[in-house]
Amino acid sequence: MNERLNTTEGYGRGLAQPETISWEQDYRSRMNPSLCTRLLQEAVPALAWVNWQITRVDEGYAETILPLNRESTNQHGTHQAALIALAADYTGGTALSSIVRGIPIVGVHPQRDNCGAALWLASIEIKYQNPSSGDLKLTSRVHADLWPRIRRRYADGQTVIQPLEITFESNGMVVASGTCVYMMKQAARLKPSSLGVKPNPLYIHSAKASARLIAGMRARETDSEAPIVLDPYAANVADAHGKLLADRFASLVPSMQRTVAARTRNLDELTSKMVSEGVRQFVFIGVGLDCRMYRLFPNDQSCGAYNLDFPEVLEERRRALSHITNLPPVRFADIPFNFELERIEDALVSRTSLSFRSDAPALFILEGISMYQSADGLARLLGQLRPLMRHLDSRLWIDVVSEDAIARRSLNQESSTFMEAMERLGSPFIFGIDQPVSYFENAGFKVHSLVNSAEYADSRTPDGIFRHYSFAHLGANA
């Protein structure tokens, strides 16, 4: 059975209609019961714990089994009501997923090129009628007359709101009746398309989750046996969510903790060096939950940090930092910013009480950004930064992955697992650079340093993605 997804062509990228992918093809590569059960059990550990399984999938139809076992039952030996609801959620979700052929579901299927569907349960109502004292069969059907509307709304980038009835049967008896209401939309359309539009809560959740994950990885490294970085604030800002995400990713991809530690160490070294040389302007583009300014220039009121990010992420940042006592005083400005819709220069000039000077030395930081951009998107960002680096001592720090990694060339198993984990999270790497020196020189920069992350590897973790991941220190060409 081929369990690899092929979503680089077709409906998922708006290049075709769902009927160009046959149901037989979609069943084999995306929707067969064995594959979907495995992916969902990996994504939702509670489903694996109770051994919930998908037993049948047809187009618009799903049948699943919640076994009667110790894990799934209550004190009376019948199914726990909450677990019946959990099984209902993923039964209806599987049925609805089958309608949009070829589309990977974010958080379940690996996806490429940000072509996946965001699918969430909006509400659920279940009326329990009889105790469930045997294996529980759940079924859900999307009636065929609804398929054209669902597909059309999805393809047009609109939000699909779809109620589905769920049936529950055990030992030939109706156990319950229920309705699940789902929200489905192209994940790429969750982003705000214009200024002043409130971002979709799911998009902001993803941005916050990414920031918490990185903080959680820094916390894990700090607590490790031989850390290469120490971040005493990371555990606090990561919170329970970030620690959970970090633990989950570290179990799937052991090298991820070390790669995050490597980039943190390399950027720490450059930041400390520039502070010692008298640089006093530090611009964090996509600051997330970074606490570098508290670690590396505390109590130095001559240093100023410019923190650019979505307003909702900055709000989360302020909330997380408010729980830390005795934070050292630093000068900073939180600047609401969407780098896909706005110019960095405009944000620095008009939205801060700190006066930024492009003719004074500054360090610009693009951490964990380049691999998520299109080629045009990264070129646009770099083009905005060059005029702000008028001083010869200004620098840009940026991390890059290789095109080999994006194209899955020359990857070992650990690296492939890493890339797939990011795709299943809904954050696929989409842009890589195989010749960073020539790439940045053509973009108008001078490469002062290019460090491969393998320099920070040790025997604790496999090679993983290390040799495909590098850190560049750039200056602007005159």
Protein backbone atom coordinates (compact mmCIF):
# COMPACT_ATOMS: atom_id res chain seq x y z
CA MET A 1 0.00 0.00 0.00
CA ASN A 2 1.32 3.45 -0.90
CA GLU A 3 0.95 5.63 2.17
CA ARG A 4 2.83 8.61 0.76
CA LEU A 5 0.69 11.62 -0.01
CA ASN A 6 1.00 13.28 -3.37
CA THR A 7 -0.44 16.76 -3.09
CA THR A 8 2.02 18.67 -5.25
CA GLU A 9 -0.45 18.65 -8.13
CA GLY A 10 -4.19 19.05 -8.34
CA TYR A 11 -7.05 20.46 -6.37
CA GLY A 12 -4.99 21.27 -3.28
CA ARG A 13 -3.13 23.99 -5.17
CA GLY A 14 -6.13 25.29 -7.09
CA LEU A 15 -4.85 23.77 -10.34
CA ALA A 16 -7.69 21.34 -10.86
CA GLN A 17 -11.09 20.24 -9.63
CA PRO A 18 -11.59 17.33 -7.23
CA GLU A 19 -13.07 15.13 -9.95
CA THR A 20 -9.66 15.10 -11.71
CA ILE A 21 -8.45 12.93 -8.83
CA SER A 22 -10.35 9.69 -8.78
CA TRP A 23 -11.82 8.42 -5.54
CA GLU A 24 -9.78 5.24 -6.00
CA GLN A 25 -6.56 7.29 -6.12
CA ASP A 26 -7.58 9.37 -3.12
CA TYR A 27 -8.56 6.27 -1.17
CA ARG A 28 -5.19 4.63 -1.78
CA SER A 29 -3.02 7.66 -0.96
CA ARG A 30 -5.02 9.63 1.63
CA MET A 31 -8.27 8.14 2.93
CA ASN A 32 -7.92 4.38 3.38
CA PRO A 33 -8.84 3.16 6.90
CA SER A 34 -5.40 1.77 7.76
CA LEU A 35 -3.58 5.00 6.91
CA CYS A 36 -6.14 7.32 8.51
CA THR A 37 -6.27 5.25 11.70
CA ARG A 38 -2.49 5.33 12.02
CA LEU A 39 -2.21 9.06 11.36
CA LEU A 40 -5.02 9.97 13.75
CA GLN A 41 -3.74 7.69 16.52
CA GLU A 42 -0.31 9.35 16.18
CA ALA A 43 -1.84 12.84 16.19
CA VAL A 44 -4.34 12.20 19.01
CA PRO A 45 -2.80 9.86 21.62
CA ALA A 46 -6.15 9.30 23.35
CA LEU A 47 -7.42 7.53 20.22
CA ALA A 48 -4.49 5.13 20.35
CA TRP A 49 -4.96 4.64 24.10
CA VAL A 50 -8.52 3.37 23.63
CA ASN A 51 -7.62 1.60 20.34
CA TRP A 52 -10.24 3.54 18.34
CA GLN A 53 -10.08 2.51 14.69
CA ILE A 54 -11.55 3.46 11.34
CA THR A 55 -13.06 0.36 9.77
CA ARG A 56 -14.55 1.71 6.56
CA VAL A 57 -14.30 4.84 4.42
CA ASP A 58 -16.32 5.54 1.30
CA GLU A 59 -16.66 8.92 -0.35
CA GLY A 60 -18.76 10.93 2.09
CA TYR A 61 -19.00 8.09 4.59
CA ALA A 62 -17.00 6.84 7.59
CA GLU A 63 -17.46 3.94 9.98
CA THR A 64 -15.37 3.57 13.13
CA ILE A 65 -15.18 1.33 16.18
CA LEU A 66 -14.67 2.34 19.79
CA PRO A 67 -13.77 -0.97 21.49
CA LEU A 68 -15.13 -1.89 24.88
CA ASN A 69 -11.95 -2.17 26.92
CA ARG A 70 -10.58 -1.04 30.23
CA GLU A 71 -9.27 2.24 28.85
CA SER A 72 -12.58 3.26 27.24
CA THR A 73 -14.98 2.36 30.03
CA ASN A 74 -16.26 3.90 33.26
CA GLN A 75 -16.86 2.40 36.68
CA HIS A 76 -19.93 0.55 35.38
CA GLY A 77 -18.07 -1.19 32.57
CA THR A 78 -19.77 0.85 29.87
CA HIS A 79 -18.26 3.42 27.53
CA GLN A 80 -17.37 6.79 29.01
CA ALA A 81 -19.61 9.47 27.55
CA ALA A 82 -16.68 11.80 26.86
CA LEU A 83 -14.86 9.13 24.86
CA ILE A 84 -18.00 8.47 22.84
CA ALA A 85 -17.97 12.18 21.97
CA LEU A 86 -14.28 12.02 21.03
CA ALA A 87 -14.92 9.07 18.72
CA ALA A 88 -17.87 10.93 17.19
CA ASP A 89 -15.71 13.97 16.44
CA TYR A 90 -13.18 11.99 14.41
CA THR A 91 -15.81 9.84 12.71
CA GLY A 92 -17.63 12.85 11.27
CA GLY A 93 -14.33 14.59 10.51
CA THR A 94 -13.17 11.58 8.49
CA ALA A 95 -16.42 11.55 6.50
CA LEU A 96 -16.14 15.26 5.71
CA SER A 97 -12.44 14.98 4.80
CA SER A 98 -13.27 12.42 2.13
CA ILE A 99 -15.31 14.99 0.16
CA VAL A 100 -12.35 17.26 -0.71
CA ARG A 101 -10.29 14.83 -2.73
CA GLY A 102 -6.53 15.06 -2.51
CA ILE A 103 -6.50 17.70 0.21
CA PRO A 104 -4.25 16.96 3.22
CA ILE A 105 -5.86 17.78 6.58
CA VAL A 106 -3.60 20.00 8.68
CA GLY A 107 -2.38 18.19 11.77
CA VAL A 108 -3.11 14.77 10.28
CA HIS A 109 -1.69 14.39 6.76
CA PRO A 110 1.74 15.70 5.78
CA GLN A 111 1.29 18.68 3.47
CA ARG A 112 3.46 20.54 1.01
CA ASP A 113 3.18 24.12 -0.24
CA ASN A 114 0.62 25.16 2.40
CA CYS A 115 -2.17 23.48 0.43
CA GLY A 116 -3.92 21.78 3.36
CA ALA A 117 -7.36 22.16 4.89
CA ALA A 118 -7.98 23.39 8.42
CA LEU A 119 -10.75 21.24 9.89
CA TRP A 120 -12.15 21.81 13.38
CA LEU A 121 -15.15 20.69 15.38
CA ALA A 122 -17.27 23.76 16.10
CA SER A 123 -19.94 22.13 18.27
CA ILE A 124 -21.28 18.73 19.26
CA GLU A 125 -24.60 17.56 20.68
CA ILE A 126 -25.20 13.97 21.77
CA LYS A 127 -28.31 12.48 23.32
CA TYR A 128 -27.39 9.32 25.20
CA GLN A 129 -30.19 6.74 25.16
CA ASN A 130 -28.73 3.44 26.39
CA PRO A 131 -25.55 2.27 28.11
CA SER A 132 -22.95 1.06 25.64
CA SER A 133 -21.90 -2.39 26.84
CA GLY A 134 -20.17 -3.72 23.71
CA ASP A 135 -17.92 -2.45 20.94
CA LEU A 136 -19.48 0.80 19.75
CA LYS A 137 -19.90 1.34 16.00
CA LEU A 138 -20.11 4.96 14.89
CA THR A 139 -21.12 6.04 11.40
CA SER A 140 -21.45 9.37 9.63
CA ARG A 141 -22.54 10.24 6.11
CA VAL A 142 -22.31 13.42 4.04
CA HIS A 143 -25.23 13.17 1.63
CA ALA A 144 -24.19 13.34 -2.02
CA ASP A 145 -26.41 16.34 -2.77
CA LEU A 146 -24.23 18.39 -0.38
CA TRP A 147 -20.92 17.54 -2.06
CA PRO A 148 -21.01 20.21 -4.83
CA ARG A 149 -21.72 23.03 -2.37
CA ILE A 150 -19.00 21.88 0.06
CA ARG A 151 -16.43 21.55 -2.72
CA ARG A 152 -17.37 24.87 -4.31
CA ARG A 153 -17.19 26.82 -1.05
CA TYR A 154 -13.90 25.19 -0.13
CA ALA A 155 -12.35 25.81 -3.57
CA ASP A 156 -13.49 29.45 -3.46
CA GLY A 157 -11.67 29.95 -0.14
CA GLN A 158 -14.86 30.35 1.85
CA THR A 159 -15.54 28.78 5.23
CA VAL A 160 -17.50 25.54 5.10
CA ILE A 161 -19.83 25.11 8.09
CA GLN A 162 -21.30 21.64 7.92
CA PRO A 163 -23.45 19.74 10.46
CA LEU A 164 -23.24 15.95 10.27
CA GLU A 165 -25.36 13.36 12.01
CA ILE A 166 -23.55 10.59 13.88
CA THR A 167 -25.13 7.23 14.68
CA PHE A 168 -24.04 5.07 17.61
CA GLU A 169 -24.81 1.34 17.81
CA SER A 170 -23.72 -1.37 20.24
CA ASN A 171 -24.87 -4.98 20.36
CA GLY A 172 -27.53 -4.20 17.77
CA MET A 173 -28.97 -1.42 19.91
CA VAL A 174 -29.03 2.35 19.37
CA VAL A 175 -26.88 3.86 22.10
CA ALA A 176 -27.11 7.55 21.21
CA SER A 177 -27.86 10.07 18.49
CA GLY A 178 -25.80 13.16 17.83
CA THR A 179 -24.79 16.01 15.56
CA CYS A 180 -21.30 17.39 15.00
CA VAL A 181 -20.86 20.77 13.34
CA TYR A 182 -17.54 21.26 11.54
CA MET A 183 -15.63 24.23 10.20
CA MET A 184 -13.38 23.65 7.18
CA LYS A 185 -11.33 26.13 5.19
CA GLN A 186 -8.16 26.33 3.13
CA ALA A 187 -5.40 26.79 5.72
CA ALA A 188 -3.73 29.43 3.55
CA ARG A 189 -6.95 31.51 3.66
CA LEU A 190 -6.81 31.75 7.46
CA LYS A 191 -4.18 34.45 7.10
CA PRO A 192 -5.42 38.05 7.07
CA SER A 193 -5.55 39.22 3.45
CA SER A 194 -5.55 42.95 4.18
CA LEU A 195 -4.69 45.35 6.98
CA GLY A 196 -7.37 45.98 9.55
CA VAL A 197 -8.90 42.51 9.12
CA LYS A 198 -8.92 40.51 12.33
CA PRO A 199 -6.97 37.28 11.79
CA ASN A 200 -8.76 33.97 12.07
CA PRO A 201 -8.36 32.57 15.62
CA LEU A 202 -6.99 29.32 14.18
CA TYR A 203 -4.21 31.21 12.38
CA ILE A 204 -3.26 33.11 15.53
CA HIS A 205 -3.37 29.86 17.51
CA SER A 206 -0.88 28.39 15.04
CA ALA A 207 1.44 31.40 15.40
CA LYS A 208 1.29 31.23 19.19
CA ALA A 209 1.82 27.46 19.14
CA SER A 210 4.94 27.87 17.01
CA ALA A 211 6.36 30.46 19.42
CA ARG A 212 5.59 28.25 22.43
CA LEU A 213 7.15 25.22 20.74
CA ILE A 214 10.46 27.01 20.21
CA ALA A 215 10.43 28.29 23.80
CA GLY A 216 9.71 24.73 24.95
CA MET A 217 12.69 23.43 22.99
CA ARG A 218 14.94 26.06 24.57
CA ALA A 219 13.64 25.05 27.99
CA ARG A 220 14.41 21.38 27.26
CA GLU A 221 17.95 22.28 26.21
CA THR A 222 18.46 24.42 29.30
CA ASP A 223 17.45 21.46 31.49
CA SER A 224 19.54 18.93 29.55
CA GLU A 225 22.71 17.30 30.83
CA ALA A 226 25.17 19.39 28.81
CA PRO A 227 23.28 22.40 27.39
CA ILE A 228 24.88 24.63 24.78
CA VAL A 229 22.50 27.46 25.69
CA LEU A 230 20.93 28.55 28.94
CA ASP A 231 17.59 30.34 28.82
CA PRO A 232 16.19 30.72 32.36
CA TYR A 233 13.00 32.33 31.02
CA ALA A 234 12.08 29.77 28.36
CA ALA A 235 10.14 27.38 30.58
CA ASN A 236 7.97 30.19 31.91
CA VAL A 237 7.02 31.64 28.55
CA ALA A 238 6.56 28.20 26.94
CA ASP A 239 3.95 27.35 29.55
CA ALA A 240 2.27 23.93 29.60
CA HIS A 241 1.33 24.10 25.91
CA GLY A 242 4.87 24.78 24.74
CA LYS A 243 6.33 22.07 26.95
CA LEU A 244 3.81 19.55 25.62
CA LEU A 245 4.58 20.46 22.00
CA ALA A 246 8.33 20.32 22.64
CA ASP A 247 8.10 16.92 24.34
CA ARG A 248 6.00 15.55 21.49
CA PHE A 249 8.34 16.83 18.79
CA ALA A 250 11.44 15.74 20.66
CA SER A 251 10.07 12.21 20.84
CA LEU A 252 9.35 12.20 17.10
CA VAL A 253 12.46 14.10 15.99
CA PRO A 254 15.30 13.94 18.54
CA SER A 255 17.48 16.35 16.53
CA MET A 256 14.97 19.21 16.68
CA GLN A 257 15.96 20.26 20.20
CA ARG A 258 19.59 20.45 19.19
CA THR A 259 18.92 22.37 15.99
CA VAL A 260 16.93 24.97 17.93
CA ALA A 261 19.75 25.10 20.49
CA ALA A 262 22.32 25.50 17.70
CA ARG A 263 20.56 28.47 16.13
CA THR A 264 19.99 30.02 19.57
CA ARG A 265 23.69 29.64 20.42
CA ASN A 266 24.88 31.07 17.10
CA LEU A 267 22.59 34.09 17.33
CA ASP A 268 23.50 34.59 21.01
CA GLU A 269 27.17 34.71 20.04
CA LEU A 270 26.60 37.31 17.34
CA THR A 271 24.31 39.39 19.56
CA SER A 272 26.80 39.42 22.46
CA LYS A 273 29.62 40.33 20.08
CA MET A 274 27.69 43.27 18.65
CA VAL A 275 26.68 44.50 22.12
CA SER A 276 30.36 44.47 23.13
CA GLU A 277 31.22 46.44 19.99
CA GLY A 278 28.74 49.16 20.84
CA VAL A 279 25.72 48.26 18.72
CA ARG A 280 22.54 49.41 20.46
CA GLN A 281 19.70 48.64 17.99
CA PHE A 282 18.27 45.11 17.76
CA VAL A 283 15.32 44.41 15.49
CA PHE A 284 13.48 41.09 16.02
CA ILE A 285 11.26 40.38 13.01
CA GLY A 286 8.78 37.77 14.23
CA VAL A 287 9.91 37.99 17.85
CA GLY A 288 7.51 35.37 19.21
CA LEU A 289 8.50 34.50 22.79
CA ASP A 290 12.20 35.24 22.38
CA CYS A 291 13.80 36.38 25.67
CA ARG A 292 17.23 37.13 24.27
CA MET A 293 17.09 40.80 25.23
CA TYR A 294 16.65 39.90 28.91
CA ARG A 295 19.49 37.40 28.78
CA LEU A 296 22.07 39.32 26.77
CA PHE A 297 21.68 43.00 27.57
CA PRO A 298 19.93 43.30 30.93
CA ASN A 299 20.16 46.58 32.82
CA ASP A 300 21.73 48.27 29.80
CA GLN A 301 19.36 51.10 29.05
CA SER A 302 21.38 52.15 26.03
CA CYS A 303 20.29 49.02 24.13
CA GLY A 304 16.91 49.04 22.43
CA ALA A 305 14.93 46.04 21.16
CA TYR A 306 12.31 46.44 18.43
CA ASN A 307 9.90 43.50 18.67
CA LEU A 308 7.85 43.03 15.49
CA ASP A 309 5.02 40.47 15.35
CA PHE A 310 1.27 40.05 15.04
CA PRO A 311 -0.55 42.10 17.69
CA GLU A 312 -2.10 38.92 19.12
CA VAL A 313 1.34 37.29 19.46
CA LEU A 314 2.70 40.42 21.15
CA GLU A 315 -0.25 40.28 23.54
CA GLU A 316 0.58 36.65 24.34
CA ARG A 317 4.22 37.66 24.80
CA ARG A 318 3.26 40.34 27.34
CA ARG A 319 0.99 37.88 29.15
CA ALA A 320 3.71 35.23 29.36
CA LEU A 321 6.37 37.67 30.55
CA SER A 322 4.05 39.16 33.17
CA HIS A 323 4.28 35.91 35.16
CA ILE A 324 8.07 36.17 35.51
CA THR A 325 9.25 38.00 38.60
CA ASN A 326 12.38 40.13 38.68
CA LEU A 327 12.78 40.54 34.94
CA PRO A 328 15.76 42.83 34.34
CA PRO A 329 14.86 46.25 32.93
CA VAL A 330 15.45 46.66 29.19
CA ARG A 331 14.38 49.23 26.63
CA PHE A 332 12.06 47.81 24.00
CA ALA A 333 9.16 48.61 21.72
CA ASP A 334 6.49 46.05 20.80
CA ILE A 335 5.45 46.86 17.23
CA PRO A 336 2.32 45.24 15.73
CA PHE A 337 3.35 44.01 12.30
CA ASN A 338 2.35 41.68 9.47
CA PHE A 339 5.43 41.24 7.30
CA GLU A 340 3.41 39.83 4.40
CA LEU A 341 1.31 42.99 4.14
CA GLU A 342 3.48 45.80 5.55
CA ARG A 343 6.90 47.32 5.15
CA ILE A 344 9.44 46.95 7.93
CA GLU A 345 10.62 50.55 7.55
CA ASP A 346 7.10 51.92 7.97
CA ALA A 347 6.61 49.93 11.17
CA LEU A 348 9.93 51.01 12.66
CA VAL A 349 9.33 54.68 11.88
CA SER A 350 5.65 55.12 12.74
CA ARG A 351 4.85 52.67 15.55
CA THR A 352 7.54 53.01 18.16
CA SER A 353 8.59 55.42 20.86
CA LEU A 354 12.20 54.31 20.28
CA SER A 355 13.84 56.29 17.53
CA PHE A 356 15.35 53.89 14.99
CA ARG A 357 18.25 55.22 12.90
CA SER A 358 19.25 53.46 9.71
CA ASP A 359 22.57 55.34 9.71
CA ALA A 360 23.52 53.79 13.07
CA PRO A 361 24.62 50.15 13.44
CA ALA A 362 21.87 47.63 14.05
CA LEU A 363 21.33 43.88 14.16
CA PHE A 364 18.29 42.58 12.26
CA ILE A 365 17.11 39.11 13.21
CA LEU A 366 15.09 36.83 10.89
CA GLU A 367 14.99 33.68 13.03
CA GLY A 368 12.97 30.73 11.74
CA ILE A 369 11.45 32.79 8.89
CA SER A 370 13.17 32.08 5.57
CA MET A 371 12.11 28.45 5.13
CA TYR A 372 8.41 29.36 5.36
CA GLN A 373 8.58 32.04 2.65
CA SER A 374 8.14 31.78 -1.08
CA ALA A 375 11.15 32.78 -3.16
CA ASP A 376 9.44 36.11 -3.96
CA GLY A 377 8.42 36.62 -0.33
CA LEU A 378 11.96 36.23 1.00
CA ALA A 379 13.36 38.45 -1.76
CA ARG A 380 10.85 41.12 -0.78
CA LEU A 381 11.88 40.94 2.89
CA LEU A 382 15.57 41.17 2.04
CA GLY A 383 14.85 44.08 -0.28
CA GLN A 384 13.16 45.95 2.58
CA LEU A 385 16.07 45.36 4.95
CA ARG A 386 18.95 46.53 2.76
CA PRO A 387 18.05 50.26 2.91
CA LEU A 388 17.78 50.01 6.71
CA MET A 389 21.37 48.74 6.94
CA ARG A 390 23.11 51.90 5.78
CA HIS A 391 25.80 51.68 8.44
CA LEU A 392 28.72 49.45 7.50
CA ASP A 393 28.54 47.68 10.87
CA SER A 394 24.87 46.74 10.58
CA ARG A 395 24.21 43.03 10.28
CA LEU A 396 21.39 40.66 9.38
CA TRP A 397 21.22 37.23 11.04
CA ILE A 398 19.21 34.66 9.10
CA ASP A 399 18.89 30.88 9.22
CA VAL A 400 18.36 28.86 6.03
CA VAL A 401 17.74 25.26 5.05
CA SER A 402 19.05 23.66 1.88
CA GLU A 403 17.00 23.13 -1.26
CA ASP A 404 18.10 19.49 -0.95
CA ALA A 405 16.06 19.26 2.25
CA ILE A 406 13.00 20.87 0.65
CA ALA A 407 13.20 18.55 -2.36
CA ARG A 408 13.94 15.53 -0.13
CA ARG A 409 17.30 14.84 -1.80
CA SER A 410 20.06 13.12 0.17
CA LEU A 411 18.03 12.98 3.39
CA ASN A 412 18.59 10.31 6.00
CA GLN A 413 15.66 8.82 7.92
CA GLU A 414 15.99 11.29 10.78
CA SER A 415 15.89 14.25 8.40
CA SER A 416 12.91 12.85 6.52
CA THR A 417 11.06 12.35 9.81
CA PHE A 418 11.84 15.95 10.77
CA MET A 419 10.46 17.32 7.50
CA GLU A 420 7.33 15.18 7.70
CA ALA A 421 6.71 16.25 11.30
CA MET A 422 6.76 19.90 10.22
CA GLU A 423 4.39 19.10 7.34
CA ARG A 424 1.93 17.36 9.65
CA LEU A 425 2.06 20.31 12.04
CA GLY A 426 0.87 22.43 9.12
CA SER A 427 4.17 24.34 8.90
CA PRO A 428 5.94 22.83 5.88
CA PHE A 429 9.33 24.17 4.81
CA ILE A 430 8.79 25.53 1.31
CA PHE A 431 11.98 27.41 0.39
CA GLY A 432 15.61 26.36 0.57
CA ILE A 433 18.96 27.70 -0.60
CA ASP A 434 21.73 25.37 -1.77
CA GLN A 435 24.30 28.13 -2.48
CA PRO A 436 23.74 30.73 0.27
CA VAL A 437 26.82 32.83 -0.50
CA SER A 438 25.92 33.45 -4.13
CA TYR A 439 22.21 33.81 -3.27
CA PHE A 440 22.81 36.56 -0.70
CA GLU A 441 25.44 38.31 -2.83
CA ASN A 442 22.96 38.46 -5.70
CA ALA A 443 20.45 39.95 -3.25
CA GLY A 444 22.86 42.78 -2.44
CA PHE A 445 24.49 41.48 0.75
CA LYS A 446 28.01 40.61 1.82
CA VAL A 447 28.36 37.31 3.68
CA HIS A 448 30.54 37.88 6.74
CA SER A 449 29.99 34.42 8.19
CA LEU A 450 28.22 31.21 7.18
CA VAL A 451 28.06 28.49 9.84
CA ASN A 452 26.61 25.03 9.33
CA SER A 453 24.63 23.83 12.33
CA ALA A 454 26.58 20.55 12.28
CA GLU A 455 29.29 22.46 14.15
CA TYR A 456 27.02 22.31 17.20
CA ALA A 457 26.11 18.63 16.90
CA ASP A 458 27.29 16.05 19.41
CA SER A 459 26.80 12.39 20.19
CA ARG A 460 23.52 12.98 22.04
CA THR A 461 21.41 13.24 18.91
CA PRO A 462 21.50 11.81 15.39
CA ASP A 463 22.85 13.92 12.55
CA GLY A 464 19.29 14.66 11.51
CA ILE A 465 18.76 17.92 9.68
CA PHE A 466 22.05 19.48 10.86
CA ARG A 467 24.02 19.48 7.61
CA HIS A 468 21.04 20.97 5.76
CA TYR A 469 20.72 23.93 8.16
CA SER A 470 23.00 27.00 8.30
CA PHE A 471 23.28 30.45 9.86
CA ALA A 472 24.39 33.52 7.89
CA HIS A 473 25.70 36.86 9.19
CA LEU A 474 25.17 39.45 6.45
CA GLY A 475 26.03 43.06 5.81
CA ALA A 476 24.58 45.26 3.08
CA ASN A 477 26.78 45.95 0.06
CA ALA A 478 27.53 49.62 -0.44
